[in-house]
């Protein structure tokens, strides 16, 4: 059915390309998870930032693997209470255009909410960069100054809560399918944010965190005190060791297959 293929294509793009908005393949740094670097801390020697990142290939795989559990947790309660509507997707041109417009607006609002979260956490609007990684057709909002980890976590969670959990709750209470499915798609779009929240587990709430300029994740500045440290530049980054984190053709092929399987499993769960 052509209409169903459109919506499957949207979910596939979000699971394999769009959802992990942080898949920045331009990085040539080696994969580093959480690593300390720089000289030992001393009273007169500032501590260099440490990475909290995921290799792009691992991030892409984990983001795709999240699609099935998100579908189960997001759509399972609705299907158990209300069943699947017939048809589950709009079939008239007006309904399709309305849904695609709402989806596009949701993607833009997702990044706008990230920007709002950064400003809420102490940054200013000029400190937040908005743009699109055209190679992956992925929009982004990047904060160029450090904010505290507690507000950084809030910033990561904000789009998923507002655009995902909010419509899901409305749909579950009212028995309305469109906001339920829309909330599911927005939660899929937030899968990358969930991964970054996961790699920040154990980081103190008062540590200072800044978006990594090239890799998946962020930079952490420990022991900076209550006042925000200066922005982290490329010169402040830990020295890279030999290696290349760019995925090979085989890795990309495996990621595409994993994304397809995850999308198929998610839609089997969604459509009952």
Protein backbone atom coordinates (compact mmCIF):
# COMPACT_ATOMS: atom_id res chain seq x y z
CA UNK A 1 0.00 0.00 0.00
CA UNK A 2 1.69 3.29 -1.10
CA UNK A 3 0.58 5.33 1.91
CA UNK A 4 1.96 2.77 4.35
CA UNK A 5 5.26 2.80 2.46
CA UNK A 6 5.51 6.56 2.99
CA UNK A 7 5.20 6.22 6.76
CA UNK A 8 7.55 3.23 6.83
CA UNK A 9 10.08 5.30 4.91
CA UNK A 10 9.79 8.09 7.48
CA UNK A 11 10.45 5.70 10.36
CA UNK A 12 13.31 4.04 8.46
CA UNK A 13 14.96 7.42 7.83
CA UNK A 14 14.58 8.38 11.48
CA UNK A 15 15.97 5.07 12.77
CA UNK A 16 18.86 4.80 10.33
CA UNK A 17 19.71 8.40 9.47
CA UNK A 18 17.57 11.02 11.13
CA UNK A 19 17.07 9.83 14.68
CA UNK A 20 20.74 9.66 15.63
CA UNK A 21 21.13 13.35 14.76
CA UNK A 22 24.64 13.18 16.09
CA UNK A 23 26.00 10.81 13.43
CA UNK A 24 28.78 13.14 12.27
CA UNK A 25 30.92 11.11 9.91
CA UNK A 26 33.19 14.03 9.14
CA UNK A 27 35.05 13.31 12.39
CA UNK A 28 38.44 11.67 11.92
CA UNK A 29 39.12 11.17 15.62
CA UNK A 30 39.44 7.67 17.08
CA UNK A 31 36.49 6.27 19.03
CA UNK A 32 36.76 7.23 22.69
CA UNK A 33 34.03 6.52 25.20
CA UNK A 34 34.78 8.36 28.45
CA UNK A 35 38.40 9.18 28.85
CA UNK A 36 40.45 11.43 31.07
CA UNK A 37 43.19 13.40 29.42
CA UNK A 38 45.62 16.16 30.13
CA UNK A 39 47.97 16.58 33.07
CA UNK A 40 46.95 15.59 36.61
CA UNK A 41 44.93 18.27 38.30
CA UNK A 42 46.88 20.79 40.35
CA UNK A 43 45.86 24.06 42.02
CA UNK A 44 47.39 26.21 39.26
CA UNK A 45 46.87 23.87 36.30
CA UNK A 46 43.37 23.80 34.76
CA UNK A 47 42.02 20.38 33.96
CA UNK A 48 41.56 19.65 30.27
CA UNK A 49 38.16 18.42 29.08
CA UNK A 50 37.40 14.75 28.75
CA UNK A 51 35.27 13.12 26.11
CA UNK A 52 31.95 11.38 26.70
CA UNK A 53 31.26 10.08 23.22
CA UNK A 54 30.19 7.09 21.18
CA UNK A 55 31.81 6.02 17.90
CA UNK A 56 29.46 6.94 15.01
CA UNK A 57 28.94 3.34 13.93
CA UNK A 58 28.05 2.22 17.46
CA UNK A 59 25.73 5.20 17.92
CA UNK A 60 23.96 4.45 14.64
CA UNK A 61 23.51 0.79 15.59
CA UNK A 62 22.23 1.59 19.07
CA UNK A 63 19.82 4.21 17.70
CA UNK A 64 18.37 1.73 15.22
CA UNK A 65 18.06 -0.96 17.89
CA UNK A 66 15.97 1.40 20.04
CA UNK A 67 13.15 1.54 17.48
CA UNK A 68 11.50 -1.76 18.44
CA UNK A 69 11.39 -1.14 22.24
CA UNK A 70 10.19 2.43 21.65
CA UNK A 71 7.38 1.08 19.46
CA UNK A 72 6.45 -1.51 22.09
CA UNK A 73 6.41 0.94 25.00
CA UNK A 74 4.83 3.82 23.08
CA UNK A 75 2.19 2.02 21.03
CA UNK A 76 1.59 -1.15 23.05
CA UNK A 77 -0.65 0.48 25.72
CA UNK A 78 -2.75 2.25 23.07
CA UNK A 79 -3.24 -0.92 21.01
CA UNK A 80 -4.17 -2.87 24.15
CA UNK A 81 -6.80 -0.31 25.17
CA UNK A 82 -8.17 0.98 21.89
CA UNK A 83 -6.99 -1.36 19.14
CA UNK A 84 -5.64 -0.31 15.75
CA UNK A 85 -7.85 2.08 13.74
CA UNK A 86 -8.79 1.24 10.18
CA UNK A 87 -7.11 2.72 8.24
CA UNK A 88 -4.17 3.47 10.56
CA UNK A 89 -2.78 6.20 8.29
CA UNK A 90 -4.44 9.02 6.36
CA UNK A 91 -5.37 8.07 2.81
CA UNK A 92 -6.68 11.35 1.41
CA UNK A 93 -4.21 13.92 0.02
CA UNK A 94 -5.24 16.54 2.57
CA UNK A 95 -4.65 14.21 5.50
CA UNK A 96 -1.29 13.08 4.13
CA UNK A 97 -0.17 16.68 3.57
CA UNK A 98 -1.30 17.66 7.07
CA UNK A 99 0.61 14.79 8.67
CA UNK A 100 3.79 15.42 6.69
CA UNK A 101 3.57 19.12 7.55
CA UNK A 102 3.15 18.28 11.24
CA UNK A 103 6.12 15.91 11.03
CA UNK A 104 8.32 18.60 9.44
CA UNK A 105 7.26 21.16 12.04
CA UNK A 106 8.01 18.60 14.76
CA UNK A 107 11.56 18.09 13.48
CA UNK A 108 12.15 21.86 13.52
CA UNK A 109 10.58 22.20 16.98
CA UNK A 110 12.78 19.34 18.24
CA UNK A 111 15.91 21.38 17.59
CA UNK A 112 14.26 24.61 18.76
CA UNK A 113 13.49 22.94 22.09
CA UNK A 114 17.13 21.91 22.39
CA UNK A 115 18.07 25.53 21.83
CA UNK A 116 15.54 26.67 24.41
CA UNK A 117 16.94 24.15 26.88
CA UNK A 118 20.47 25.47 26.40
CA UNK A 119 19.29 29.05 26.99
CA UNK A 120 17.32 27.88 30.02
CA UNK A 121 20.56 26.35 31.29
CA UNK A 122 22.47 29.63 31.11
CA UNK A 123 23.63 29.96 27.51
CA UNK A 124 22.51 32.81 25.27
CA UNK A 125 20.83 32.45 21.89
CA UNK A 126 24.00 33.53 20.01
CA UNK A 127 25.78 30.64 21.76
CA UNK A 128 23.47 28.10 20.07
CA UNK A 129 24.18 27.10 16.47
CA UNK A 130 21.39 25.72 14.30
CA UNK A 131 21.96 23.97 11.01
CA UNK A 132 21.58 20.84 8.91
CA UNK A 133 24.06 18.05 8.26
CA UNK A 134 23.11 17.69 4.61
CA UNK A 135 25.01 14.43 4.12
CA UNK A 136 22.58 12.75 6.56
CA UNK A 137 19.65 15.18 6.07
CA UNK A 138 19.82 15.76 9.81
CA UNK A 139 19.13 19.09 11.54
CA UNK A 140 21.07 19.97 14.67
CA UNK A 141 21.25 22.49 17.51
CA UNK A 142 24.73 22.80 19.02
CA UNK A 143 25.66 24.79 22.11
CA UNK A 144 29.11 26.33 21.80
CA UNK A 145 29.59 27.11 25.51
CA UNK A 146 29.59 24.81 28.56
CA UNK A 147 26.44 24.39 30.65
CA UNK A 148 26.04 22.34 33.82
CA UNK A 149 25.25 18.66 33.42
CA UNK A 150 21.88 18.94 35.17
CA UNK A 151 20.64 21.50 32.64
CA UNK A 152 22.33 19.65 29.77
CA UNK A 153 20.37 16.51 30.66
CA UNK A 154 17.17 18.55 30.82
CA UNK A 155 17.96 19.98 27.39
CA UNK A 156 18.40 16.49 25.96
CA UNK A 157 15.12 15.25 27.43
CA UNK A 158 12.99 18.28 26.54
CA UNK A 159 11.98 17.39 22.92
CA UNK A 160 11.16 13.79 23.79
CA UNK A 161 8.96 14.87 26.70
CA UNK A 162 7.15 17.71 24.91
CA UNK A 163 6.79 16.29 21.40
CA UNK A 164 6.85 12.57 22.23
CA UNK A 165 5.44 11.79 25.66
CA UNK A 166 2.96 14.70 25.54
CA UNK A 167 1.06 13.62 22.39
CA UNK A 168 1.32 9.97 23.48
CA UNK A 169 -0.44 10.79 26.75
CA UNK A 170 -3.16 12.75 24.96
CA UNK A 171 -3.74 9.93 22.50
CA UNK A 172 -3.83 7.26 25.19
CA UNK A 173 -6.36 9.16 27.31
CA UNK A 174 -8.62 10.22 24.44
CA UNK A 175 -8.27 7.12 22.27
CA UNK A 176 -7.04 9.24 19.36
CA UNK A 177 -4.59 7.50 17.04
CA UNK A 178 -2.97 10.48 15.19
CA UNK A 179 -1.36 12.08 18.28
CA UNK A 180 -0.32 8.62 19.48
CA UNK A 181 1.51 7.75 16.27
CA UNK A 182 2.92 11.28 16.03
CA UNK A 183 4.29 10.99 19.57
CA UNK A 184 5.85 7.65 18.64
CA UNK A 185 7.67 9.23 15.68
CA UNK A 186 8.90 12.09 17.85
CA UNK A 187 10.22 9.59 20.42
CA UNK A 188 12.07 7.82 17.63
CA UNK A 189 13.54 11.21 16.69
CA UNK A 190 14.71 11.53 20.31
CA UNK A 191 16.55 8.18 20.29
CA UNK A 192 19.87 9.96 19.83
CA UNK A 193 19.17 12.13 22.85
CA UNK A 194 18.46 9.00 24.88
CA UNK A 195 21.85 7.60 23.92
CA UNK A 196 23.66 10.74 25.03
CA UNK A 197 21.75 10.66 28.32
CA UNK A 198 22.96 7.08 28.72
CA UNK A 199 26.63 7.95 28.21
CA UNK A 200 26.26 10.79 30.75
CA UNK A 201 25.29 8.38 33.53
CA UNK A 202 27.66 8.96 36.43
CA UNK A 203 28.64 12.49 35.42
CA UNK A 204 28.12 14.82 38.42
CA UNK A 205 25.20 17.23 38.09
CA UNK A 206 27.44 20.24 38.70
CA UNK A 207 30.04 19.29 36.08
CA UNK A 208 30.23 21.53 33.03
CA UNK A 209 29.29 19.97 29.69
CA UNK A 210 29.57 21.21 26.12
CA UNK A 211 28.49 19.63 22.84
CA UNK A 212 31.38 17.89 21.11
CA UNK A 213 32.14 19.84 17.91
CA UNK A 214 32.66 16.72 15.77
CA UNK A 215 31.76 13.50 17.56
CA UNK A 216 28.76 11.77 19.06
CA UNK A 217 28.31 13.13 22.57
CA UNK A 218 29.89 15.92 24.58
CA UNK A 219 32.92 17.23 26.42
CA UNK A 220 33.04 17.35 30.21
CA UNK A 221 35.01 19.93 32.18
CA UNK A 222 35.51 18.71 35.75
CA UNK A 223 36.46 20.78 38.79
CA UNK A 224 35.67 24.07 37.07
CA UNK A 225 33.91 25.55 40.09
CA UNK A 226 30.53 27.30 40.20
CA UNK A 227 31.38 29.78 37.44
CA UNK A 228 31.15 28.59 33.83
CA UNK A 229 34.52 27.81 32.24
CA UNK A 230 35.43 29.32 28.86
CA UNK A 231 34.18 27.54 25.73
CA UNK A 232 36.16 24.48 24.72
CA UNK A 233 37.98 24.83 21.40
CA UNK A 234 39.76 22.31 19.20
CA UNK A 235 43.05 23.23 20.87
CA UNK A 236 41.64 22.12 24.23
CA UNK A 237 40.61 18.67 23.02
CA UNK A 238 42.58 15.61 24.08
CA UNK A 239 45.24 14.55 21.63
CA UNK A 240 43.99 11.82 19.32
CA UNK A 241 45.86 8.59 18.98
CA UNK A 242 46.34 6.84 15.69
CA UNK A 243 43.20 5.47 14.21
CA UNK A 244 40.17 6.30 12.15
CA UNK A 245 36.59 6.19 13.37
CA UNK A 246 35.01 6.50 9.94
CA UNK A 247 32.82 3.47 9.26
CA UNK A 248 33.85 1.11 6.50
CA UNK A 249 31.58 0.09 3.64
CA UNK A 250 30.84 -3.19 5.40
CA UNK A 251 29.89 -1.35 8.60
CA UNK A 252 27.57 0.95 6.66
CA UNK A 253 26.00 -2.07 4.96
CA UNK A 254 25.44 -3.80 8.30
CA UNK A 255 23.99 -0.60 9.77
CA UNK A 256 21.56 -0.30 6.86
CA UNK A 257 20.48 -3.91 7.37
CA UNK A 258 20.07 -3.39 11.12
CA UNK A 259 18.04 -0.23 10.51
CA UNK A 260 15.77 -2.09 8.11
CA UNK A 261 15.23 -4.94 10.57
CA UNK A 262 14.59 -2.53 13.45
CA UNK A 263 12.11 -0.54 11.35
CA UNK A 264 10.32 -3.73 10.28
CA UNK A 265 10.08 -5.03 13.85
CA UNK A 266 8.86 -1.65 15.06
CA UNK A 267 6.10 -1.50 12.49
CA UNK A 268 5.05 -5.10 13.09
CA UNK A 269 4.59 -4.15 16.74
CA UNK A 270 2.89 -0.89 15.82
CA UNK A 271 0.42 -2.44 13.41
CA UNK A 272 -0.33 -5.43 15.62
